[in-house]
Every structure is written in C-alpha cells, then in structure tokens.
N, C-alpha and C. Protein backbone atom coordinates (compact mmCIF):
# COMPACT_ATOMS: atom_id res chain seq x y z
N MET A 1 55.44 -2.71 -18.13
CA MET A 1 54.07 -2.51 -18.48
C MET A 1 53.92 -1.11 -19.06
N THR A 2 53.34 -1.04 -20.21
CA THR A 2 53.15 0.25 -20.88
C THR A 2 51.71 0.69 -20.72
N ASN A 3 51.59 1.95 -20.58
CA ASN A 3 50.26 2.56 -20.43
C ASN A 3 49.93 3.29 -21.72
N ASP A 4 48.81 2.92 -22.35
CA ASP A 4 48.41 3.54 -23.61
C ASP A 4 47.81 4.93 -23.42
N THR A 5 47.44 5.27 -22.24
CA THR A 5 46.88 6.61 -22.01
C THR A 5 48.01 7.61 -21.89
N PRO A 6 47.90 8.72 -22.61
CA PRO A 6 48.98 9.70 -22.56
C PRO A 6 49.03 10.37 -21.19
N SER A 7 50.22 10.61 -20.74
CA SER A 7 50.37 11.29 -19.46
C SER A 7 50.13 12.78 -19.66
N PRO A 8 49.58 13.43 -18.65
CA PRO A 8 49.33 14.87 -18.80
C PRO A 8 50.64 15.63 -18.98
N ASN A 9 50.65 16.41 -20.02
CA ASN A 9 51.83 17.21 -20.32
C ASN A 9 51.47 18.68 -20.10
N PRO A 10 52.12 19.36 -19.17
CA PRO A 10 51.75 20.75 -18.91
C PRO A 10 52.04 21.68 -20.08
N ASN A 11 52.92 21.33 -20.97
CA ASN A 11 53.24 22.18 -22.12
C ASN A 11 52.26 21.99 -23.27
N ASN A 12 51.47 20.96 -23.22
CA ASN A 12 50.53 20.65 -24.30
C ASN A 12 49.11 20.81 -23.78
N LYS A 13 48.69 22.08 -23.57
CA LYS A 13 47.35 22.33 -23.03
C LYS A 13 46.38 22.57 -24.17
N LYS A 14 45.29 21.90 -24.13
CA LYS A 14 44.21 22.12 -25.10
C LYS A 14 43.09 22.80 -24.35
N PRO A 15 42.46 23.79 -24.97
CA PRO A 15 41.37 24.46 -24.26
C PRO A 15 40.22 23.49 -24.01
N SER A 16 39.79 23.49 -22.80
CA SER A 16 38.68 22.60 -22.47
C SER A 16 37.39 23.21 -22.97
N GLY A 17 36.35 22.42 -23.01
CA GLY A 17 35.04 22.89 -23.47
C GLY A 17 34.49 23.99 -22.59
N LYS A 18 34.74 23.89 -21.28
CA LYS A 18 34.24 24.90 -20.35
C LYS A 18 34.92 26.24 -20.59
N ARG A 19 36.22 26.22 -20.85
CA ARG A 19 36.94 27.46 -21.12
C ARG A 19 36.44 28.13 -22.39
N LEU A 20 36.21 27.35 -23.40
CA LEU A 20 35.71 27.88 -24.67
C LEU A 20 34.33 28.49 -24.48
N ILE A 21 33.47 27.84 -23.73
CA ILE A 21 32.13 28.38 -23.48
C ILE A 21 32.21 29.68 -22.69
N ARG A 22 33.09 29.74 -21.69
CA ARG A 22 33.27 30.98 -20.92
C ARG A 22 33.76 32.11 -21.81
N PHE A 23 34.74 31.80 -22.65
CA PHE A 23 35.28 32.81 -23.56
C PHE A 23 34.21 33.33 -24.50
N LEU A 24 33.44 32.44 -25.10
CA LEU A 24 32.38 32.85 -26.03
C LEU A 24 31.29 33.63 -25.30
N THR A 25 30.97 33.23 -24.07
CA THR A 25 29.97 33.95 -23.29
C THR A 25 30.44 35.36 -23.00
N LEU A 26 31.69 35.49 -22.59
CA LEU A 26 32.27 36.81 -22.31
C LEU A 26 32.29 37.66 -23.57
N LEU A 27 32.63 37.07 -24.69
CA LEU A 27 32.66 37.78 -25.97
C LEU A 27 31.26 38.28 -26.35
N VAL A 28 30.24 37.46 -26.18
CA VAL A 28 28.86 37.84 -26.50
C VAL A 28 28.40 38.97 -25.58
N ILE A 29 28.72 38.88 -24.29
CA ILE A 29 28.32 39.93 -23.33
C ILE A 29 29.02 41.24 -23.68
N LEU A 30 30.30 41.18 -24.00
CA LEU A 30 31.04 42.38 -24.38
C LEU A 30 30.46 43.01 -25.63
N PHE A 31 30.15 42.20 -26.61
CA PHE A 31 29.54 42.70 -27.84
C PHE A 31 28.17 43.33 -27.57
N ALA A 32 27.38 42.72 -26.71
CA ALA A 32 26.06 43.27 -26.37
C ALA A 32 26.18 44.62 -25.65
N VAL A 33 27.13 44.73 -24.74
CA VAL A 33 27.34 45.99 -24.02
C VAL A 33 27.78 47.08 -24.98
N LEU A 34 28.72 46.76 -25.87
CA LEU A 34 29.18 47.74 -26.84
C LEU A 34 28.05 48.16 -27.78
N THR A 35 27.27 47.22 -28.24
CA THR A 35 26.16 47.52 -29.14
C THR A 35 25.11 48.38 -28.45
N ALA A 36 24.85 48.10 -27.19
CA ALA A 36 23.84 48.87 -26.45
C ALA A 36 24.32 50.29 -26.14
N SER A 37 25.61 50.50 -26.04
CA SER A 37 26.12 51.83 -25.67
C SER A 37 26.28 52.76 -26.86
N VAL A 38 26.31 52.25 -28.07
CA VAL A 38 26.52 53.09 -29.25
C VAL A 38 25.44 54.16 -29.40
N PRO A 39 24.15 53.85 -29.33
CA PRO A 39 23.14 54.92 -29.46
C PRO A 39 23.30 56.00 -28.37
N GLY A 40 23.65 55.61 -27.18
CA GLY A 40 23.86 56.58 -26.12
C GLY A 40 25.02 57.50 -26.40
N ILE A 41 26.08 56.95 -26.96
CA ILE A 41 27.25 57.75 -27.31
C ILE A 41 26.89 58.76 -28.40
N PHE A 42 26.13 58.30 -29.41
CA PHE A 42 25.71 59.21 -30.48
C PHE A 42 24.80 60.32 -29.93
N THR A 43 23.95 59.99 -28.97
CA THR A 43 23.08 60.99 -28.38
C THR A 43 23.89 62.05 -27.65
N VAL A 44 24.88 61.62 -26.91
CA VAL A 44 25.73 62.57 -26.18
C VAL A 44 26.50 63.46 -27.17
N MET A 45 27.01 62.87 -28.24
CA MET A 45 27.73 63.66 -29.24
C MET A 45 26.81 64.65 -29.94
N ARG A 46 25.59 64.22 -30.26
CA ARG A 46 24.62 65.09 -30.92
C ARG A 46 24.23 66.24 -29.98
N ARG A 47 24.08 65.93 -28.69
CA ARG A 47 23.76 66.96 -27.70
C ARG A 47 24.88 68.00 -27.61
N ALA A 48 26.12 67.55 -27.64
CA ALA A 48 27.26 68.47 -27.61
C ALA A 48 27.28 69.35 -28.86
N ASP A 49 27.01 68.77 -30.01
CA ASP A 49 26.95 69.56 -31.25
C ASP A 49 25.81 70.57 -31.19
N ALA A 50 24.69 70.20 -30.58
CA ALA A 50 23.56 71.11 -30.44
C ALA A 50 23.94 72.28 -29.53
N GLN A 51 24.70 72.01 -28.49
CA GLN A 51 25.16 73.09 -27.60
C GLN A 51 26.07 74.06 -28.34
N VAL A 52 26.92 73.54 -29.20
CA VAL A 52 27.80 74.39 -30.00
C VAL A 52 26.98 75.27 -30.94
N ALA A 53 26.00 74.68 -31.61
CA ALA A 53 25.14 75.46 -32.52
C ALA A 53 24.38 76.53 -31.75
N LEU A 54 23.90 76.22 -30.56
CA LEU A 54 23.20 77.21 -29.73
C LEU A 54 24.14 78.35 -29.35
N GLY A 55 25.35 78.02 -28.96
CA GLY A 55 26.33 79.07 -28.62
C GLY A 55 26.63 79.96 -29.80
N ASN A 56 26.75 79.38 -30.99
CA ASN A 56 27.00 80.18 -32.19
C ASN A 56 25.81 81.07 -32.52
N ALA A 57 24.59 80.58 -32.28
CA ALA A 57 23.39 81.40 -32.54
C ALA A 57 23.33 82.57 -31.55
N LYS A 58 23.70 82.34 -30.32
CA LYS A 58 23.71 83.43 -29.33
C LYS A 58 24.76 84.47 -29.69
N SER A 59 25.90 84.02 -30.14
CA SER A 59 26.95 84.94 -30.59
C SER A 59 26.48 85.74 -31.80
N LEU A 60 25.76 85.07 -32.70
CA LEU A 60 25.22 85.74 -33.88
C LEU A 60 24.18 86.79 -33.49
N ARG A 61 23.35 86.49 -32.49
CA ARG A 61 22.35 87.46 -32.04
C ARG A 61 23.02 88.74 -31.56
N ILE A 62 24.08 88.61 -30.81
CA ILE A 62 24.80 89.79 -30.32
C ILE A 62 25.44 90.53 -31.49
N ALA A 63 26.02 89.80 -32.45
CA ALA A 63 26.62 90.43 -33.62
C ALA A 63 25.57 91.17 -34.45
N LEU A 64 24.37 90.59 -34.57
CA LEU A 64 23.30 91.28 -35.30
C LEU A 64 22.85 92.54 -34.55
N GLN A 65 22.82 92.47 -33.24
CA GLN A 65 22.45 93.64 -32.44
C GLN A 65 23.46 94.77 -32.63
N VAL A 66 24.74 94.44 -32.62
CA VAL A 66 25.80 95.44 -32.83
C VAL A 66 25.70 96.00 -34.25
N ALA A 67 25.50 95.13 -35.23
CA ALA A 67 25.41 95.59 -36.62
C ALA A 67 24.20 96.48 -36.83
N SER A 68 23.07 96.16 -36.19
CA SER A 68 21.89 97.01 -36.34
C SER A 68 22.09 98.37 -35.68
N THR A 69 22.76 98.39 -34.54
CA THR A 69 23.05 99.67 -33.87
C THR A 69 23.97 100.53 -34.72
N GLU A 70 24.98 99.92 -35.31
CA GLU A 70 25.89 100.66 -36.18
C GLU A 70 25.16 101.18 -37.42
N ALA A 71 24.32 100.34 -38.00
CA ALA A 71 23.56 100.77 -39.19
C ALA A 71 22.61 101.90 -38.84
N TYR A 72 21.94 101.82 -37.71
CA TYR A 72 21.02 102.86 -37.28
C TYR A 72 21.77 104.17 -37.01
N GLY A 73 22.91 104.06 -36.34
CA GLY A 73 23.70 105.26 -36.00
C GLY A 73 24.26 105.95 -37.22
N SER A 74 24.59 105.21 -38.26
CA SER A 74 25.15 105.83 -39.47
C SER A 74 24.09 106.11 -40.53
N GLY A 75 22.83 105.79 -40.24
CA GLY A 75 21.76 106.06 -41.18
C GLY A 75 21.68 105.08 -42.34
N ARG A 76 22.34 103.95 -42.23
CA ARG A 76 22.29 102.93 -43.28
C ARG A 76 21.13 101.98 -43.04
N ALA A 77 20.73 101.31 -44.08
CA ALA A 77 19.67 100.31 -43.96
C ALA A 77 20.23 99.07 -43.28
N PHE A 78 19.38 98.39 -42.53
CA PHE A 78 19.77 97.14 -41.87
C PHE A 78 19.12 95.96 -42.57
N ARG A 79 17.83 96.04 -42.72
CA ARG A 79 17.05 94.95 -43.30
C ARG A 79 16.96 95.11 -44.80
N SER A 80 17.02 94.00 -45.50
CA SER A 80 16.84 93.98 -46.94
C SER A 80 16.20 92.65 -47.31
N PRO A 81 14.89 92.65 -47.56
CA PRO A 81 14.20 91.38 -47.85
C PRO A 81 14.80 90.61 -49.03
N SER A 82 15.41 91.31 -49.97
CA SER A 82 15.99 90.62 -51.11
C SER A 82 17.46 90.27 -50.88
N GLY A 83 18.03 90.72 -49.77
CA GLY A 83 19.43 90.46 -49.48
C GLY A 83 19.64 89.08 -48.87
N VAL A 84 20.89 88.68 -48.84
CA VAL A 84 21.24 87.38 -48.25
C VAL A 84 20.93 87.43 -46.76
N GLY A 85 20.17 86.47 -46.28
CA GLY A 85 19.84 86.40 -44.86
C GLY A 85 18.80 87.43 -44.42
N GLY A 86 18.22 88.16 -45.37
CA GLY A 86 17.20 89.15 -45.02
C GLY A 86 17.77 90.47 -44.55
N VAL A 87 19.08 90.65 -44.67
CA VAL A 87 19.73 91.91 -44.28
C VAL A 87 20.59 92.39 -45.45
N THR A 88 21.11 93.61 -45.34
CA THR A 88 21.98 94.11 -46.40
C THR A 88 23.26 93.27 -46.44
N GLU A 89 23.92 93.29 -47.56
CA GLU A 89 25.13 92.48 -47.71
C GLU A 89 26.21 92.89 -46.71
N GLU A 90 26.32 94.18 -46.46
CA GLU A 90 27.31 94.68 -45.50
C GLU A 90 27.02 94.16 -44.09
N VAL A 91 25.75 94.21 -43.68
CA VAL A 91 25.36 93.71 -42.36
C VAL A 91 25.58 92.20 -42.28
N TRP A 92 25.24 91.48 -43.33
CA TRP A 92 25.41 90.03 -43.35
C TRP A 92 26.88 89.66 -43.14
N ARG A 93 27.75 90.30 -43.89
CA ARG A 93 29.19 90.02 -43.80
C ARG A 93 29.71 90.39 -42.41
N GLU A 94 29.31 91.55 -41.93
CA GLU A 94 29.76 92.02 -40.61
C GLU A 94 29.30 91.08 -39.49
N ALA A 95 28.06 90.63 -39.56
CA ALA A 95 27.52 89.74 -38.52
C ALA A 95 28.26 88.40 -38.51
N LEU A 96 28.52 87.83 -39.68
CA LEU A 96 29.22 86.55 -39.72
C LEU A 96 30.68 86.68 -39.29
N LEU A 97 31.33 87.78 -39.67
CA LEU A 97 32.72 87.97 -39.25
C LEU A 97 32.82 88.24 -37.76
N SER A 98 31.90 89.02 -37.22
CA SER A 98 31.94 89.35 -35.79
C SER A 98 31.62 88.13 -34.92
N SER A 99 30.64 87.36 -35.33
CA SER A 99 30.21 86.21 -34.51
C SER A 99 31.08 84.99 -34.73
N LYS A 100 31.76 84.92 -35.88
CA LYS A 100 32.56 83.76 -36.26
C LYS A 100 31.72 82.49 -36.32
N ALA A 101 30.44 82.66 -36.60
CA ALA A 101 29.53 81.52 -36.72
C ALA A 101 29.73 80.87 -38.09
N PRO A 102 29.92 79.55 -38.13
CA PRO A 102 30.19 78.89 -39.41
C PRO A 102 28.95 78.62 -40.25
N GLY A 103 27.77 78.89 -39.73
CA GLY A 103 26.54 78.57 -40.45
C GLY A 103 25.97 79.75 -41.20
N ASP A 104 24.69 79.63 -41.54
CA ASP A 104 23.95 80.67 -42.25
C ASP A 104 22.80 81.14 -41.38
N PHE A 105 22.32 82.35 -41.64
CA PHE A 105 21.20 82.86 -40.86
C PHE A 105 20.23 83.61 -41.76
N TRP A 106 19.00 83.74 -41.28
CA TRP A 106 17.97 84.50 -41.96
C TRP A 106 17.20 85.29 -40.90
N VAL A 107 17.15 86.59 -41.07
CA VAL A 107 16.35 87.42 -40.18
C VAL A 107 14.92 87.32 -40.68
N LEU A 108 14.03 86.84 -39.82
CA LEU A 108 12.64 86.62 -40.21
C LEU A 108 11.75 87.81 -39.87
N GLN A 109 12.06 88.50 -38.78
CA GLN A 109 11.18 89.59 -38.35
C GLN A 109 12.00 90.63 -37.58
N THR A 110 11.71 91.90 -37.85
CA THR A 110 12.28 93.00 -37.08
C THR A 110 11.13 93.81 -36.49
N ASP A 111 11.46 94.73 -35.60
CA ASP A 111 10.42 95.60 -35.04
C ASP A 111 10.01 96.63 -36.09
N GLU A 112 9.15 97.57 -35.70
CA GLU A 112 8.63 98.57 -36.65
C GLU A 112 9.73 99.45 -37.24
N SER A 113 10.78 99.71 -36.45
CA SER A 113 11.86 100.55 -36.95
C SER A 113 12.70 99.84 -38.01
N GLY A 114 12.68 98.52 -38.01
CA GLY A 114 13.45 97.76 -38.98
C GLY A 114 14.89 97.51 -38.55
N TYR A 115 15.20 97.85 -37.29
CA TYR A 115 16.57 97.69 -36.82
C TYR A 115 16.73 96.68 -35.68
N GLU A 116 15.68 96.33 -34.99
CA GLU A 116 15.78 95.39 -33.89
C GLU A 116 15.25 94.02 -34.33
N VAL A 117 16.09 93.02 -34.21
CA VAL A 117 15.74 91.66 -34.65
C VAL A 117 14.80 91.03 -33.64
N MET A 118 13.64 90.61 -34.11
CA MET A 118 12.66 89.94 -33.25
C MET A 118 12.74 88.42 -33.39
N ARG A 119 13.02 87.95 -34.61
CA ARG A 119 13.13 86.51 -34.88
C ARG A 119 14.18 86.28 -35.95
N PHE A 120 14.95 85.22 -35.75
CA PHE A 120 15.85 84.78 -36.82
C PHE A 120 16.04 83.27 -36.71
N VAL A 121 16.55 82.71 -37.80
CA VAL A 121 16.85 81.28 -37.89
C VAL A 121 18.32 81.16 -38.23
N TYR A 122 18.99 80.27 -37.53
CA TYR A 122 20.41 80.01 -37.78
C TYR A 122 20.57 78.53 -38.11
N GLN A 123 21.27 78.22 -39.17
CA GLN A 123 21.47 76.83 -39.60
C GLN A 123 22.96 76.52 -39.62
N GLU A 124 23.30 75.43 -38.94
CA GLU A 124 24.69 74.97 -38.90
C GLU A 124 24.69 73.45 -39.03
N GLY A 125 25.14 72.98 -40.16
CA GLY A 125 25.13 71.53 -40.40
C GLY A 125 23.72 70.98 -40.35
N ASP A 126 23.49 69.98 -39.52
CA ASP A 126 22.17 69.37 -39.39
C ASP A 126 21.34 70.01 -38.28
N PHE A 127 21.81 71.13 -37.73
CA PHE A 127 21.10 71.78 -36.64
C PHE A 127 20.53 73.11 -37.09
N THR A 128 19.31 73.37 -36.65
CA THR A 128 18.65 74.64 -36.91
C THR A 128 18.28 75.24 -35.56
N VAL A 129 18.64 76.50 -35.37
CA VAL A 129 18.34 77.20 -34.13
C VAL A 129 17.40 78.35 -34.47
N THR A 130 16.28 78.43 -33.76
CA THR A 130 15.38 79.56 -33.94
C THR A 130 15.47 80.46 -32.71
N TYR A 131 15.43 81.76 -32.96
CA TYR A 131 15.49 82.76 -31.89
C TYR A 131 14.21 83.57 -31.92
N CYS A 132 13.65 83.83 -30.77
CA CYS A 132 12.48 84.69 -30.64
C CYS A 132 12.74 85.63 -29.47
N LYS A 133 12.55 86.94 -29.70
CA LYS A 133 12.84 87.92 -28.66
C LYS A 133 11.75 87.97 -27.59
N GLU A 134 10.50 87.87 -27.99
CA GLU A 134 9.38 87.96 -27.05
C GLU A 134 8.52 86.71 -27.13
N PRO A 135 8.47 85.87 -26.18
CA PRO A 135 9.34 85.77 -25.02
C PRO A 135 10.70 85.24 -25.47
N LEU A 136 11.75 85.66 -24.77
CA LEU A 136 13.10 85.29 -25.14
C LEU A 136 13.26 83.77 -25.14
N SER A 137 13.55 83.21 -26.32
CA SER A 137 13.71 81.76 -26.40
C SER A 137 14.59 81.39 -27.58
N TYR A 138 15.26 80.29 -27.40
CA TYR A 138 16.03 79.65 -28.46
C TYR A 138 15.55 78.20 -28.52
N GLU A 139 15.41 77.66 -29.71
CA GLU A 139 15.07 76.25 -29.88
C GLU A 139 16.04 75.65 -30.89
N VAL A 140 16.57 74.51 -30.53
CA VAL A 140 17.53 73.82 -31.40
C VAL A 140 16.85 72.57 -31.94
N TYR A 141 16.87 72.44 -33.25
CA TYR A 141 16.28 71.28 -33.92
C TYR A 141 17.39 70.50 -34.61
N TYR A 142 17.24 69.18 -34.62
CA TYR A 142 18.17 68.33 -35.34
C TYR A 142 17.47 67.82 -36.58
N ARG A 143 18.10 68.01 -37.71
CA ARG A 143 17.51 67.60 -38.98
C ARG A 143 18.22 66.36 -39.47
N GLN A 144 17.44 65.36 -39.71
CA GLN A 144 17.99 64.12 -40.26
C GLN A 144 17.16 63.74 -41.47
N PRO A 145 17.76 63.77 -42.65
CA PRO A 145 16.98 63.44 -43.84
C PRO A 145 16.61 61.95 -43.87
N TYR A 146 15.36 61.70 -44.16
CA TYR A 146 14.89 60.33 -44.31
C TYR A 146 14.79 59.94 -45.78
N ILE A 147 14.36 60.88 -46.59
CA ILE A 147 14.27 60.64 -48.03
C ILE A 147 14.93 61.83 -48.72
N GLN A 148 15.83 61.57 -49.61
CA GLN A 148 16.50 62.64 -50.34
C GLN A 148 16.39 62.33 -51.82
N THR A 149 15.82 63.26 -52.55
CA THR A 149 15.67 63.06 -53.99
C THR A 149 16.21 64.28 -54.73
N SER A 150 16.53 64.09 -55.97
CA SER A 150 16.91 65.20 -56.81
C SER A 150 16.34 64.96 -58.20
N PHE A 151 15.90 66.04 -58.77
CA PHE A 151 15.29 65.97 -60.09
C PHE A 151 16.11 66.79 -61.05
N HIS A 152 16.39 66.24 -62.18
CA HIS A 152 17.13 66.94 -63.22
C HIS A 152 16.22 67.14 -64.41
N THR A 153 16.08 68.37 -64.79
CA THR A 153 15.24 68.69 -65.93
C THR A 153 16.06 68.61 -67.20
N VAL A 154 15.57 67.88 -68.16
CA VAL A 154 16.24 67.75 -69.44
C VAL A 154 15.47 68.58 -70.44
N TYR A 155 16.18 69.44 -71.13
CA TYR A 155 15.52 70.30 -72.13
C TYR A 155 15.76 69.77 -73.51
C-alpha cells in the first residue's frame, strides 16, 4: 500500500506561515526602534558639537584677554573697527593662534579704555557662541539654513 502524502523530511524544511509572520514582525519592530532613535542620536551629537564650540569660545576669550593686556602694555592698539574681527590684524592672528579655535570671531564691544572685551561673537561651523562679560554669560546657538538663495548680477 502506497501513501500519496509525503513523509516529513527533516532536511526539507519550509518556513511555516507563523515563522514568516514572526520574522516580519521582528523586522518591523527593529526598523521602528532604529527610526525612532535616529533623532535622539543626532541631538546628542549636536549637543557634543555645541560643547566643543563653547570650549573654543572660552579659550578664545582668554586669548583675547592676553592679547589685550599685551597690546595695552606695549602701547599698541587693540580694537580696530575696520579690522578683521573688530581688532587689529596682529591681535586677530595672535588670538586665533593662541586659542587654536578653528572658527571666526568678532569683538562687538569693549570698555571705555578699548582694551577689555565686553562682548564678542564666535562662529564655528553651524554654531554661534555669544559672550557677555556683565553678567558673565555664554550662549550657544545652532544655525540650520531653511532657505538658501544666491543672486548673480549680470552686467
């Protein structure tokens, strides 16, 4: 007597419907978890970059303080409204070399003597750090362009 139904063969396993559903469910859950964690990861990375920019701005503040003291002691000018960053070229170069800050800065305000920095702005990548002496504060801003345009004038 022959049996037309195939005997179960352990070497010939076909995935059952339940296994496939479990696999797809696990895949969807994994994808959802990964998708949900991406914004959090970017936030943590952005926060770390902001901390680096803040550290560079603090280093720059000390470098500007040293440069202003040296300029005052030698009778040289410190501030120059027409100069790069609002200071003389020599002070600008000295401050960036001393602080090793990779960004740019602008001295916005000095005291009456013109040698003590009251406010400055430091820009590094997409981060802007503002410094204010009274009351002592630093603020870090993240800049993200939403619309970027450029105009070319044709003559």
